[in-house]
Each structure stands twice: as C-alpha cells, then as structure tokens.
Amino acid sequence: MWTNIVMLVMLVLFFLAVGFMKQKEGFDNPTVTSQTQQGDIATLQKQLTQITLNSEILNEIQDNINNLSDQTNTLRENVPDGQVQQYAPN
C-alpha cells in the first residue's frame, strides 16, 4: 500500500516538475505566440507602408524645393540691380 502511495506521489511530482520546467524554459502556448507575432508583423508592414509613402512625399517636396531654388537663382541673375533693390528688405 505504501508503495502505491509513493508511486502516486512521485507521478504527481513528475508532472508538476514537467509543467514547471516548460513554463520556466519559456514554452508558452504556440497559438498565442503565433498570433502575437502575426500582429507584430502586420503592425510593421503598416509602418513600412507609411514610411515609404512619407519618403515618396519627401522626395517630391525636395524636388519642388530644388526647382524653386533654381528658378530663384535664375531670376536673381537676370533681374537688373535696381529692380532687385526695391524689393529687398531694409
């Protein structure tokens, strides 16, 4: 009888130890982990799309600035000095 009780206690301790070891080593529920990672991937894809759109807009703005700068330089070179002076700040 004592043998059966000891075996039963050892079996319970074994399953508790296995459960504790799995939690200690980081074996979480794979479904939850997968869903979390998929959510992270979706978030990163959205951020990447926003960054790409922002980069395209910034490139377009930079091109517009370069064009305006070239036009300003051309105007400055081609306008006589007297006309430029009347619009210059004091």
Protein backbone atom coordinates (compact mmCIF):
# COMPACT_ATOMS: atom_id res chain seq x y z
CA MET A 1 0.00 0.00 0.00
CA TRP A 2 2.78 2.42 0.85
CA THR A 3 4.40 1.60 -2.46
CA ASN A 4 1.28 2.65 -4.33
CA ILE A 5 1.07 5.93 -2.41
CA VAL A 6 4.76 6.70 -3.01
CA MET A 7 4.39 5.90 -6.74
CA LEU A 8 1.31 8.12 -6.96
CA VAL A 9 3.09 10.99 -5.18
CA MET A 10 6.15 10.59 -7.42
CA LEU A 11 3.94 10.59 -10.52
CA VAL A 12 2.21 13.80 -9.38
CA LEU A 13 5.59 15.41 -8.61
CA PHE A 14 6.90 14.35 -12.02
CA PHE A 15 4.01 16.03 -13.85
CA LEU A 16 4.34 19.14 -11.71
CA ALA A 17 8.08 19.28 -12.46
CA VAL A 18 7.47 18.87 -16.20
CA GLY A 19 4.86 21.64 -16.12
CA PHE A 20 7.19 23.90 -14.13
CA MET A 21 10.11 23.22 -16.49
CA LYS A 22 8.04 24.07 -19.55
CA GLN A 23 6.99 27.39 -18.05
CA LYS A 24 10.49 28.12 -16.85
CA GLU A 25 12.03 27.48 -20.28
CA GLY A 26 9.50 29.72 -21.99
CA PHE A 27 7.29 27.16 -23.70
CA ASP A 28 4.18 29.27 -23.99
CA ASN A 29 1.06 28.43 -25.90
CA PRO A 30 2.23 28.32 -29.54
CA THR A 31 -1.10 29.65 -30.82
CA VAL A 32 -0.88 32.77 -28.65
CA THR A 33 2.77 33.28 -29.59
CA SER A 34 1.96 32.91 -33.30
CA GLN A 35 -0.93 35.36 -33.12
CA THR A 36 1.22 37.87 -31.27
CA GLN A 37 3.96 37.59 -33.88
CA GLN A 38 1.46 37.92 -36.72
CA GLY A 39 0.10 41.07 -35.10
CA ASP A 40 3.63 42.44 -34.80
CA ILE A 41 4.30 41.65 -38.47
CA ALA A 42 1.07 43.40 -39.56
CA THR A 43 1.98 46.46 -37.49
CA LEU A 44 5.46 46.59 -39.00
CA GLN A 45 4.02 46.29 -42.53
CA LYS A 46 1.70 49.23 -41.87
CA GLN A 47 4.59 51.30 -40.51
CA LEU A 48 6.74 50.37 -43.50
CA THR A 49 3.98 51.46 -45.88
CA GLN A 50 3.67 54.79 -44.07
CA ILE A 51 7.44 55.30 -44.16
CA THR A 52 7.53 54.50 -47.87
CA LEU A 53 4.73 56.97 -48.61
CA ASN A 54 6.41 59.59 -46.48
CA SER A 55 9.69 59.04 -48.30
CA GLU A 56 7.98 59.50 -51.66
CA ILE A 57 6.30 62.69 -50.46
CA LEU A 58 9.59 63.97 -49.05
CA ASN A 59 11.35 63.27 -52.35
CA GLU A 60 8.64 65.17 -54.22
CA ILE A 61 8.93 68.11 -51.81
CA GLN A 62 12.72 68.09 -52.18
CA ASP A 63 12.35 68.18 -55.98
CA ASN A 64 9.95 71.12 -55.70
CA ILE A 65 12.39 72.96 -53.41
CA ASN A 66 15.23 72.34 -55.84
CA ASN A 67 13.13 73.66 -58.75
CA LEU A 68 12.15 76.79 -56.81
CA SER A 69 15.75 77.35 -55.78
CA ASP A 70 16.89 77.08 -59.40
CA GLN A 71 14.17 79.49 -60.51
CA THR A 72 15.13 81.95 -57.76
CA ASN A 73 18.77 81.82 -58.78
CA THR A 74 17.85 82.32 -62.43
CA LEU A 75 15.63 85.28 -61.54
CA ARG A 76 18.31 86.81 -59.31
CA GLU A 77 20.89 86.56 -62.11
CA ASN A 78 18.60 88.02 -64.81
CA VAL A 79 16.95 90.94 -62.97
CA PRO A 80 18.81 94.29 -63.08
CA ASP A 81 20.14 95.54 -59.73
CA GLY A 82 17.78 98.48 -59.44
CA GLN A 83 14.67 96.32 -59.60
CA VAL A 84 16.07 93.88 -57.06
CA GLN A 85 16.87 96.66 -54.57
CA GLN A 86 13.28 97.96 -54.42
CA TYR A 87 12.04 94.54 -53.22
CA ALA A 88 14.92 93.91 -50.84
CA PRO A 89 14.19 94.22 -47.10
CA ASN A 90 15.59 97.27 -45.33
